[in-house]
C-alpha atoms as a PDB file:
ATOM      1  CA  MET A   1       1.261 -20.868  29.626  1.00  0.00           C
ATOM      2  CA  PRO A   2       0.714 -17.120  29.096  1.00  0.00           C
ATOM      3  CA  GLN A   3      -2.778 -15.689  29.321  1.00  0.00           C
ATOM      4  CA  LEU A   4      -4.660 -14.729  26.202  1.00  0.00           C
ATOM      5  CA  ASN A   5      -4.778 -10.958  25.640  1.00  0.00           C
ATOM      6  CA  LEU A   6      -8.321 -10.737  24.330  1.00  0.00           C
ATOM      7  CA  TRP A   7      -7.881  -7.139  23.177  1.00  0.00           C
ATOM      8  CA  LEU A   8      -4.807  -8.013  21.143  1.00  0.00           C
ATOM      9  CA  ALA A   9      -6.585 -10.958  19.513  1.00  0.00           C
ATOM     10  CA  LEU A  10      -9.576  -8.732  18.787  1.00  0.00           C
ATOM     11  CA  GLY A  11      -7.280  -6.056  17.349  1.00  0.00           C
ATOM     12  CA  TYR A  12      -5.730  -8.598  15.021  1.00  0.00           C
ATOM     13  CA  ALA A  13      -9.148  -9.893  13.965  1.00  0.00           C
ATOM     14  CA  VAL A  14     -10.520  -6.418  13.221  1.00  0.00           C
ATOM     15  CA  ALA A  15      -7.364  -5.544  11.281  1.00  0.00           C
ATOM     16  CA  VAL A  16      -7.779  -8.663   9.138  1.00  0.00           C
ATOM     17  CA  LEU A  17     -11.425  -7.846   8.439  1.00  0.00           C
ATOM     18  CA  VAL A  18     -10.603  -4.277   7.434  1.00  0.00           C
ATOM     19  CA  GLU A  19      -7.559  -5.083   5.322  1.00  0.00           C
ATOM     20  CA  ILE A  20      -9.327  -7.852   3.397  1.00  0.00           C
ATOM     21  CA  GLY A  21     -12.918  -6.650   3.501  1.00  0.00           C
ATOM     22  CA  ALA A  22     -12.524  -2.904   2.873  1.00  0.00           C
ATOM     23  CA  PRO A  23     -10.979  -3.159  -0.632  1.00  0.00           C
ATOM     24  CA  LEU A  24     -13.595  -5.705  -1.687  1.00  0.00           C
ATOM     25  CA  LEU A  25     -16.454  -3.547  -0.420  1.00  0.00           C
ATOM     26  CA  LEU A  26     -14.901  -0.532  -2.147  1.00  0.00           C
ATOM     27  CA  ALA A  27     -14.790  -2.397  -5.453  1.00  0.00           C
ATOM     28  CA  VAL A  28     -18.446  -3.409  -5.125  1.00  0.00           C
ATOM     29  CA  ALA A  29     -19.426   0.185  -4.306  1.00  0.00           C
ATOM     30  CA  LEU A  30     -17.507   1.579  -7.281  1.00  0.00           C
ATOM     31  CA  ALA A  31     -19.019  -0.991  -9.618  1.00  0.00           C
ATOM     32  CA  ARG A  32     -22.551  -0.175  -8.463  1.00  0.00           C
ATOM     33  CA  ARG A  33     -22.469   3.564  -7.799  1.00  0.00           C
ATOM     34  CA  CYS A  34     -19.916   4.672 -10.389  1.00  0.00           C
ATOM     35  CA  GLU A  35     -20.669   2.022 -13.023  1.00  0.00           C
ATOM     36  CA  GLY A  36     -17.107   0.766 -12.944  1.00  0.00           C
ATOM     37  CA  LYS A  37     -16.290  -2.360 -14.917  1.00  0.00           C
ATOM     38  CA  TRP A  38     -14.957  -5.365 -13.030  1.00  0.00           C
ATOM     39  CA  LYS A  39     -12.470  -6.207 -15.762  1.00  0.00           C
ATOM     40  CA  TYR A  40     -10.563  -3.028 -14.925  1.00  0.00           C
ATOM     41  CA  TRP A  41     -10.471  -4.027 -11.277  1.00  0.00           C
ATOM     42  CA  GLY A  42      -8.890  -7.257 -12.467  1.00  0.00           C
ATOM     43  CA  TYR A  43      -6.373  -5.340 -14.549  1.00  0.00           C
ATOM     44  CA  GLY A  44      -5.423  -3.387 -11.442  1.00  0.00           C
ATOM     45  CA  VAL A  45      -4.889  -6.624  -9.546  1.00  0.00           C
ATOM     46  CA  LEU A  46      -2.654  -7.935 -12.341  1.00  0.00           C
ATOM     47  CA  VAL A  47      -0.626  -4.732 -12.452  1.00  0.00           C
ATOM     48  CA  PHE A  48       0.264  -4.972  -8.765  1.00  0.00           C
ATOM     49  CA  LEU A  49       0.862  -8.713  -8.986  1.00  0.00           C
ATOM     50  CA  LEU A  50       3.180  -8.465 -12.002  1.00  0.00           C
ATOM     51  CA  PHE A  51       4.984  -5.201 -11.324  1.00  0.00           C
ATOM     52  CA  GLN A  52       5.416  -5.662  -7.596  1.00  0.00           C
ATOM     53  CA  GLY A  53       4.581  -9.158  -6.445  1.00  0.00           C
ATOM     54  CA  VAL A  54       6.636 -11.225  -8.885  1.00  0.00           C
ATOM     55  CA  THR A  55       9.264  -8.704  -9.980  1.00  0.00           C
ATOM     56  CA  ARG A  56      10.280  -5.791  -7.772  1.00  0.00           C
ATOM     57  CA  ILE A  57       9.480  -7.135  -4.292  1.00  0.00           C
ATOM     58  CA  PRO A  58      11.380 -10.455  -4.681  1.00  0.00           C
ATOM     59  CA  ALA A  59      14.352  -8.563  -6.133  1.00  0.00           C
ATOM     60  CA  MET A  60      14.375  -6.071  -3.251  1.00  0.00           C
ATOM     61  CA  VAL A  61      14.116  -8.857  -0.676  1.00  0.00           C
ATOM     62  CA  ALA A  62      17.005 -10.722  -2.294  1.00  0.00           C
ATOM     63  CA  VAL A  63      19.213  -7.630  -2.233  1.00  0.00           C
ATOM     64  CA  GLN A  64      18.363  -6.770   1.366  1.00  0.00           C
ATOM     65  CA  SER A  65      19.141 -10.313   2.531  1.00  0.00           C
ATOM     66  CA  LEU A  66      22.774 -10.059   1.420  1.00  0.00           C
ATOM     67  CA  PRO A  67      25.064  -9.815   4.481  1.00  0.00           C
ATOM     68  CA  ALA A  68      27.302  -7.249   2.752  1.00  0.00           C
ATOM     69  CA  PHE A  69      24.287  -5.076   2.006  1.00  0.00           C
ATOM     70  CA  GLN A  70      23.052  -5.322   5.593  1.00  0.00           C
ATOM     71  CA  GLN A  71      26.464  -4.144   6.746  1.00  0.00           C
ATOM     72  CA  ALA A  72      26.456  -1.265   4.261  1.00  0.00           C
ATOM     73  CA  LEU A  73      23.044  -0.089   5.506  1.00  0.00           C
ATOM     74  CA  LYS A  74      24.658   0.862   8.812  1.00  0.00           C
ATOM     75  CA  GLN A  75      26.101   3.876   7.001  1.00  0.00           C
ATOM     76  CA  PRO A  76      23.538   6.727   7.037  1.00  0.00           C
ATOM     77  CA  ALA A  77      24.295   7.778   3.457  1.00  0.00           C
ATOM     78  CA  VAL A  78      23.730   4.242   2.176  1.00  0.00           C
ATOM     79  CA  LEU A  79      20.555   3.841   4.221  1.00  0.00           C
ATOM     80  CA  TRP A  80      18.967   7.065   2.982  1.00  0.00           C
ATOM     81  CA  GLY A  81      20.081   6.413  -0.565  1.00  0.00           C
ATOM     82  CA  PHE A  82      18.490   2.992  -0.444  1.00  0.00           C
ATOM     83  CA  LEU A  83      15.240   4.363   1.011  1.00  0.00           C
ATOM     84  CA  LEU A  84      15.053   6.877  -1.830  1.00  0.00           C
ATOM     85  CA  PHE A  85      15.862   4.171  -4.383  1.00  0.00           C
ATOM     86  CA  ALA A  86      13.180   1.889  -2.926  1.00  0.00           C
ATOM     87  CA  ALA A  87      10.580   4.668  -3.049  1.00  0.00           C
ATOM     88  CA  PHE A  88      11.502   5.639  -6.605  1.00  0.00           C
ATOM     89  CA  THR A  89      11.450   2.086  -7.942  1.00  0.00           C
ATOM     90  CA  ALA A  90       8.093   1.445  -6.266  1.00  0.00           C
ATOM     91  CA  GLY A  91       6.692   4.446  -8.109  1.00  0.00           C
ATOM     92  CA  LEU A  92       8.416   3.507 -11.348  1.00  0.00           C
ATOM     93  CA  PHE A  93       7.141  -0.053 -11.388  1.00  0.00           C
ATOM     94  CA  GLU A  94       3.620   0.645 -10.155  1.00  0.00           C
ATOM     95  CA  GLU A  95       2.914   3.786 -12.159  1.00  0.00           C
ATOM     96  CA  GLY A  96       4.657   2.291 -15.174  1.00  0.00           C
ATOM     97  CA  GLY A  97       2.457  -0.770 -14.879  1.00  0.00           C
ATOM     98  CA  ARG A  98      -0.647   1.390 -14.594  1.00  0.00           C
ATOM     99  CA  TRP A  99       0.371   3.367 -17.693  1.00  0.00           C
ATOM    100  CA  LEU A 100       0.901   0.176 -19.701  1.00  0.00           C
ATOM    101  CA  ALA A 101      -2.462  -1.224 -18.586  1.00  0.00           C
ATOM    102  CA  ILE A 102      -4.298   1.899 -19.702  1.00  0.00           C
ATOM    103  CA  ARG A 103      -2.291   2.233 -22.916  1.00  0.00           C
ATOM    104  CA  PHE A 104      -2.834  -1.309 -24.145  1.00  0.00           C
ATOM    105  CA  PHE A 105      -5.958  -2.622 -22.387  1.00  0.00           C
ATOM    106  CA  VAL A 106      -8.257   0.358 -21.864  1.00  0.00           C
ATOM    107  CA  PRO A 107      -9.892   1.631 -25.073  1.00  0.00           C
ATOM    108  CA  ALA A 108     -10.151   5.374 -25.547  1.00  0.00           C
ATOM    109  CA  ALA A 109     -13.887   5.329 -24.859  1.00  0.00           C
ATOM    110  CA  ASP A 110     -13.272   3.886 -21.368  1.00  0.00           C
ATOM    111  CA  ARG A 111     -10.463   6.224 -20.349  1.00  0.00           C
ATOM    112  CA  ARG A 112     -12.559   7.899 -17.707  1.00  0.00           C
ATOM    113  CA  TRP A 113     -12.631   8.688 -14.001  1.00  0.00           C
ATOM    114  CA  ASN A 114     -14.561   5.575 -12.983  1.00  0.00           C
ATOM    115  CA  THR A 115     -12.221   3.306 -14.932  1.00  0.00           C
ATOM    116  CA  ALA A 116      -9.230   4.814 -13.146  1.00  0.00           C
ATOM    117  CA  LEU A 117     -10.915   4.183  -9.808  1.00  0.00           C
ATOM    118  CA  MET A 118     -11.534   0.533 -10.625  1.00  0.00           C
ATOM    119  CA  LEU A 119      -7.917   0.115 -11.682  1.00  0.00           C
ATOM    120  CA  GLY A 120      -6.766   1.736  -8.451  1.00  0.00           C
ATOM    121  CA  ALA A 121      -9.175  -0.333  -6.367  1.00  0.00           C
ATOM    122  CA  GLY A 122      -7.767  -3.541  -7.849  1.00  0.00           C
ATOM    123  CA  HIS A 123      -4.170  -2.375  -7.518  1.00  0.00           C
ATOM    124  CA  GLY A 124      -4.447  -1.131  -3.949  1.00  0.00           C
ATOM    125  CA  GLY A 125      -6.926  -3.868  -3.090  1.00  0.00           C
ATOM    126  CA  LEU A 126      -4.518  -6.707  -3.786  1.00  0.00           C
ATOM    127  CA  GLU A 127      -1.842  -4.904  -1.775  1.00  0.00           C
ATOM    128  CA  SER A 128      -4.224  -4.547   1.177  1.00  0.00           C
ATOM    129  CA  ILE A 129      -5.469  -8.132   0.943  1.00  0.00           C
ATOM    130  CA  GLY A 130      -1.883  -9.382   0.878  1.00  0.00           C
ATOM    131  CA  VAL A 131      -1.118  -7.472   4.071  1.00  0.00           C
ATOM    132  CA  GLY A 132      -4.351  -8.767   5.597  1.00  0.00           C
ATOM    133  CA  LEU A 133      -3.329 -12.359   4.939  1.00  0.00           C
ATOM    134  CA  LEU A 134      -0.006 -11.740   6.654  1.00  0.00           C
ATOM    135  CA  VAL A 135      -1.822 -10.262   9.653  1.00  0.00           C
ATOM    136  CA  LEU A 136      -4.071 -13.335   9.681  1.00  0.00           C
ATOM    137  CA  VAL A 137      -0.950 -15.484   9.912  1.00  0.00           C
ATOM    138  CA  GLY A 138       0.160 -13.303  12.817  1.00  0.00           C
ATOM    139  CA  LEU A 139      -3.171 -13.866  14.566  1.00  0.00           C
ATOM    140  CA  VAL A 140      -2.926 -17.623  14.086  1.00  0.00           C
ATOM    141  CA  ASN A 141       0.632 -17.618  15.431  1.00  0.00           C
ATOM    142  CA  TYR A 142      -0.428 -15.572  18.454  1.00  0.00           C
ATOM    143  CA  LEU A 143      -3.304 -17.897  19.291  1.00  0.00           C
ATOM    144  CA  ALA A 144      -1.084 -20.941  18.836  1.00  0.00           C
ATOM    145  CA  ILE A 145       1.623 -19.552  21.091  1.00  0.00           C
ATOM    146  CA  VAL A 146      -0.725 -18.649  23.953  1.00  0.00           C
ATOM    147  CA  LEU A 147      -3.097 -21.623  23.703  1.00  0.00           C
ATOM    148  CA  ILE A 148      -0.805 -24.538  22.823  1.00  0.00           C
ATOM    149  CA  PRO A 149       1.958 -25.793  25.125  1.00  0.00           C
ATOM    150  CA  ALA A 150       5.429 -24.934  23.848  1.00  0.00           C
ATOM    151  CA  GLU A 151       6.456 -28.574  23.580  1.00  0.00           C
ATOM    152  CA  ASN A 152       3.605 -29.227  21.145  1.00  0.00           C
ATOM    153  CA  LEU A 153       4.427 -26.379  18.768  1.00  0.00           C
ATOM    154  CA  GLY A 154       7.290 -28.138  17.026  1.00  0.00           C
ATOM    155  CA  ALA A 155       9.543 -25.067  17.273  1.00  0.00           C
ATOM    156  CA  PRO A 156      12.681 -24.362  19.317  1.00  0.00           C
ATOM    157  CA  ALA A 157      11.845 -23.305  22.861  1.00  0.00           C
ATOM    158  CA  ALA A 158      13.975 -20.154  22.538  1.00  0.00           C
ATOM    159  CA  ALA A 159      12.111 -19.060  19.416  1.00  0.00           C
ATOM    160  CA  VAL A 160       8.742 -19.673  21.082  1.00  0.00           C
ATOM    161  CA  GLU A 161       9.758 -17.677  24.150  1.00  0.00           C
ATOM    162  CA  GLN A 162      11.007 -14.794  22.015  1.00  0.00           C
ATOM    163  CA  ALA A 163       7.721 -14.716  20.122  1.00  0.00           C
ATOM    164  CA  ARG A 164       5.777 -14.755  23.376  1.00  0.00           C
ATOM    165  CA  GLN A 165       7.738 -11.792  24.688  1.00  0.00           C
ATOM    166  CA  GLN A 166       7.123  -9.865  21.482  1.00  0.00           C
ATOM    167  CA  PHE A 167       3.372 -10.474  21.640  1.00  0.00           C
ATOM    168  CA  ALA A 168       3.331  -9.653  25.370  1.00  0.00           C
ATOM    169  CA  SER A 169       4.865  -6.244  24.654  1.00  0.00           C
ATOM    170  CA  MET A 170       2.120  -5.333  22.164  1.00  0.00           C
ATOM    171  CA  GLN A 171      -0.949  -3.252  22.953  1.00  0.00           C
ATOM    172  CA  GLY A 172      -4.359  -4.347  21.710  1.00  0.00           C
ATOM    173  CA  TRP A 173      -4.694  -1.337  19.402  1.00  0.00           C
ATOM    174  CA  GLU A 174      -1.381  -1.796  17.606  1.00  0.00           C
ATOM    175  CA  PRO A 175      -2.668  -4.137  14.854  1.00  0.00           C
ATOM    176  CA  LEU A 176      -5.322  -1.521  14.058  1.00  0.00           C
ATOM    177  CA  LEU A 177      -2.603   0.895  12.959  1.00  0.00           C
ATOM    178  CA  GLY A 178      -1.829  -1.390  10.041  1.00  0.00           C
ATOM    179  CA  ALA A 179      -5.495  -1.444   9.071  1.00  0.00           C
ATOM    180  CA  TRP A 180      -5.643   2.358   9.223  1.00  0.00           C
ATOM    181  CA  GLU A 181      -2.553   2.563   7.035  1.00  0.00           C
ATOM    182  CA  ARG A 182      -4.076   0.218   4.445  1.00  0.00           C
ATOM    183  CA  VAL A 183      -7.202   2.362   4.222  1.00  0.00           C
ATOM    184  CA  GLY A 184      -5.048   5.457   3.699  1.00  0.00           C
ATOM    185  CA  ALA A 185      -2.820   3.675   1.200  1.00  0.00           C
ATOM    186  CA  LEU A 186      -5.888   2.512  -0.706  1.00  0.00           C
ATOM    187  CA  ALA A 187      -7.045   6.120  -1.067  1.00  0.00           C
ATOM    188  CA  VAL A 188      -3.587   7.098  -2.296  1.00  0.00           C
ATOM    189  CA  GLN A 189      -3.597   4.269  -4.841  1.00  0.00           C
ATOM    190  CA  LEU A 190      -6.932   5.457  -6.213  1.00  0.00           C
ATOM    191  CA  GLY A 191      -5.595   8.997  -6.476  1.00  0.00           C
ATOM    192  CA  LEU A 192      -2.475   7.855  -8.301  1.00  0.00           C
ATOM    193  CA  SER A 193      -4.566   5.803 -10.699  1.00  0.00           C
ATOM    194  CA  VAL A 194      -6.696   8.850 -11.509  1.00  0.00           C
ATOM    195  CA  MET A 195      -3.500  10.861 -12.021  1.00  0.00           C
ATOM    196  CA  VAL A 196      -2.036   8.328 -14.457  1.00  0.00           C
ATOM    197  CA  MET A 197      -5.300   8.372 -16.367  1.00  0.00           C
ATOM    198  CA  GLN A 198      -4.759  12.092 -16.925  1.00  0.00           C
ATOM    199  CA  ALA A 199      -1.664  11.202 -18.954  1.00  0.00           C
ATOM    200  CA  PHE A 200      -4.074   9.999 -21.638  1.00  0.00           C
ATOM    201  CA  LEU A 201      -6.461  12.905 -21.223  1.00  0.00           C
ATOM    202  CA  ARG A 202      -4.277  15.938 -20.542  1.00  0.00           C
ATOM    203  CA  GLY A 203      -0.771  14.960 -21.577  1.00  0.00           C
ATOM    204  CA  GLN A 204       2.008  12.571 -20.637  1.00  0.00           C
ATOM    205  CA  ARG A 205       3.471  14.969 -18.071  1.00  0.00           C
ATOM    206  CA  TRP A 206       0.789  13.681 -15.718  1.00  0.00           C
ATOM    207  CA  TRP A 207       2.531  10.300 -15.564  1.00  0.00           C
ATOM    208  CA  TRP A 208       5.621  12.069 -14.289  1.00  0.00           C
ATOM    209  CA  TYR A 209       3.478  13.806 -11.686  1.00  0.00           C
ATOM    210  CA  ALA A 210       2.215  10.404 -10.553  1.00  0.00           C
ATOM    211  CA  LEU A 211       5.748   9.019 -10.364  1.00  0.00           C
ATOM    212  CA  ALA A 212       6.881  12.011  -8.317  1.00  0.00           C
ATOM    213  CA  ALA A 213       3.862  11.803  -6.002  1.00  0.00           C
ATOM    214  CA  HIS A 214       4.363   8.080  -5.407  1.00  0.00           C
ATOM    215  CA  THR A 215       8.050   8.560  -4.671  1.00  0.00           C
ATOM    216  CA  VAL A 216       7.376  11.399  -2.240  1.00  0.00           C
ATOM    217  CA  VAL A 217       4.665   9.488  -0.363  1.00  0.00           C
ATOM    218  CA  ASP A 218       6.798   6.375   0.064  1.00  0.00           C
ATOM    219  CA  PHE A 219      10.057   8.156   0.861  1.00  0.00           C
ATOM    220  CA  THR A 220       8.643  10.611   3.389  1.00  0.00           C
ATOM    221  CA  SER A 221       6.687   7.858   5.150  1.00  0.00           C
ATOM    222  CA  VAL A 222       9.654   5.539   5.691  1.00  0.00           C
ATOM    223  CA  GLY A 223      11.991   8.487   6.221  1.00  0.00           C
ATOM    224  CA  LEU A 224       9.801   9.957   8.946  1.00  0.00           C
ATOM    225  CA  LEU A 225       9.785   6.612  10.721  1.00  0.00           C
ATOM    226  CA  GLN A 226      13.590   6.570  10.673  1.00  0.00           C
ATOM    227  CA  VAL A 227      13.810  10.112  12.007  1.00  0.00           C
ATOM    228  CA  ALA A 228      11.104   9.821  14.661  1.00  0.00           C
ATOM    229  CA  ALA A 229      11.903   6.341  16.021  1.00  0.00           C
ATOM    230  CA  LYS A 230      14.888   7.363  18.117  1.00  0.00           C
ATOM    231  CA  PRO A 231      13.473  10.389  19.986  1.00  0.00           C
ATOM    232  CA  LEU A 232       9.890   9.108  20.264  1.00  0.00           C
ATOM    233  CA  GLY A 233      10.258   5.340  20.395  1.00  0.00           C
ATOM    234  CA  GLN A 234       8.962   2.923  17.784  1.00  0.00           C
ATOM    235  CA  SER A 235       5.300   2.932  18.863  1.00  0.00           C
ATOM    236  CA  ARG A 236       4.939   6.713  18.945  1.00  0.00           C
ATOM    237  CA  ALA A 237       6.907   7.076  15.735  1.00  0.00           C
ATOM    238  CA  VAL A 238       4.446   4.757  14.001  1.00  0.00           C
ATOM    239  CA  LEU A 239       1.590   6.972  15.199  1.00  0.00           C
ATOM    240  CA  VAL A 240       3.308  10.013  13.679  1.00  0.00           C
ATOM    241  CA  VAL A 241       3.785   8.192  10.377  1.00  0.00           C
ATOM    242  CA  GLU A 242       0.133   7.151  10.326  1.00  0.00           C
ATOM    243  CA  GLY A 243      -0.753  10.807  10.783  1.00  0.00           C
ATOM    244  CA  LEU A 244       1.269  11.628   7.677  1.00  0.00           C
ATOM    245  CA  VAL A 245      -0.415   8.806   5.759  1.00  0.00           C
ATOM    246  CA  THR A 246      -3.770  10.259   6.790  1.00  0.00           C
ATOM    247  CA  VAL A 247      -2.777  13.636   5.348  1.00  0.00           C
ATOM    248  CA  TYR A 248      -1.777  11.992   2.078  1.00  0.00           C
ATOM    249  CA  ALA A 249      -5.064  10.057   1.998  1.00  0.00           C
ATOM    250  CA  LEU A 250      -7.077  13.259   2.473  1.00  0.00           C
ATOM    251  CA  LEU A 251      -5.121  14.960  -0.314  1.00  0.00           C
ATOM    252  CA  ALA A 252      -5.756  11.967  -2.563  1.00  0.00           C
ATOM    253  CA  PHE A 253      -9.475  12.063  -1.758  1.00  0.00           C
ATOM    254  CA  TRP A 254      -9.593  15.779  -2.571  1.00  0.00           C
ATOM    255  CA  TYR A 255      -7.844  15.163  -5.885  1.00  0.00           C
ATOM    256  CA  ILE A 256     -10.149  12.269  -6.779  1.00  0.00           C
ATOM    257  CA  MET A 257     -13.244  14.346  -6.134  1.00  0.00           C
ATOM    258  CA  ALA A 258     -11.800  17.342  -8.003  1.00  0.00           C
ATOM    259  CA  MET A 259     -11.310  15.168 -11.072  1.00  0.00           C
ATOM    260  CA  ARG A 260     -14.835  13.823 -10.739  1.00  0.00           C
ATOM    261  CA  GLU A 261     -16.286  17.324 -10.700  1.00  0.00           C
ATOM    262  CA  ARG A 262     -14.467  18.029 -13.944  1.00  0.00           C
ATOM    263  CA  GLY A 263     -15.984  14.929 -15.470  1.00  0.00           C
ATOM    264  CA  GLY A 264     -12.656  13.168 -15.887  1.00  0.00           C
ATOM    265  CA  THR A 265     -12.142  14.802 -19.272  1.00  0.00           C
ATOM    266  CA  PRO A 266      -9.941  17.758 -20.172  1.00  0.00           C
ATOM    267  CA  SER A 267     -10.998  21.141 -21.399  1.00  0.00           C
ATOM    268  CA  PRO A 268      -9.800  22.180 -24.897  1.00  0.00           C
ATOM    269  CA  ARG A 269      -7.394  24.639 -23.296  1.00  0.00           C
ATOM    270  CA  GLU A 270      -5.747  21.897 -21.215  1.00  0.00           C
ATOM    271  CA  LEU A 271      -5.265  19.395 -24.009  1.00  0.00           C
ATOM    272  CA  ALA A 272      -2.645  20.506 -26.513  1.00  0.00           C
ATOM    273  CA  PRO A 273      -2.882  19.048 -30.037  1.00  0.00           C
ATOM    274  CA  ASN A 274       0.374  17.166 -29.695  1.00  0.00           C
ATOM    275  CA  GLU A 275      -0.766  15.513 -26.459  1.00  0.00           C
ATOM    276  CA  SER A 276      -4.079  14.083 -27.592  1.00  0.00           C
ATOM    277  CA  GLN A 277      -4.505  10.331 -27.749  1.00  0.00           C
END
């Protein structure tokens, strides 16, 4: 039996704690310090669940599983077109869902900065928790593979050996990259939520800004991984992508704080008569 890589197991465990714990702690902090209402956190959870979890994601998985589509993806033009389509539809569904939630479930009196943050914390929080649960499954699989004899796992010996080789090739810090990405993505989700809120404060063009921003973030992140993987190798390419995600997270944080300083409400000059809600 292979030896347990304690650092890898610890990396998985820390990643799970961050990906599940961080969004929950953020929600508590926003509720206490910014007087955010928990019902809007719940609305954010529902938006991600409905507009990604039970609609877009299953549809995308079904399309990508088609053998003919897998063959078509070998063509660079098809691959890049699909990456752009995936990024655009992610923005369309998520920002569209956010707009609908604010339009129909957030009264005008609550269309403020702190409400947008709670919506974003629920939206990005469910996404992060979902990833954390998958990482937890990965940790359980790793521990099972290294601690339980192969004949007792109830899986084909070839599959067990392949999984062991994959885990053996991993460094202890690699699971932490996913946790870092979730923290950055959570900041981006909060920023996008604040931006969609501006559609009801400063004019509907702000929803288009949010759609464009979401598309750019998703497309450049996956696109950079495609470009960097070959010359740098997969592990180094992931590090480069996480650097880009960090930049986007810092920009989102700057935007969030800029909107807070302005009180989350528009000036008379910014809000045209035909754009008021």
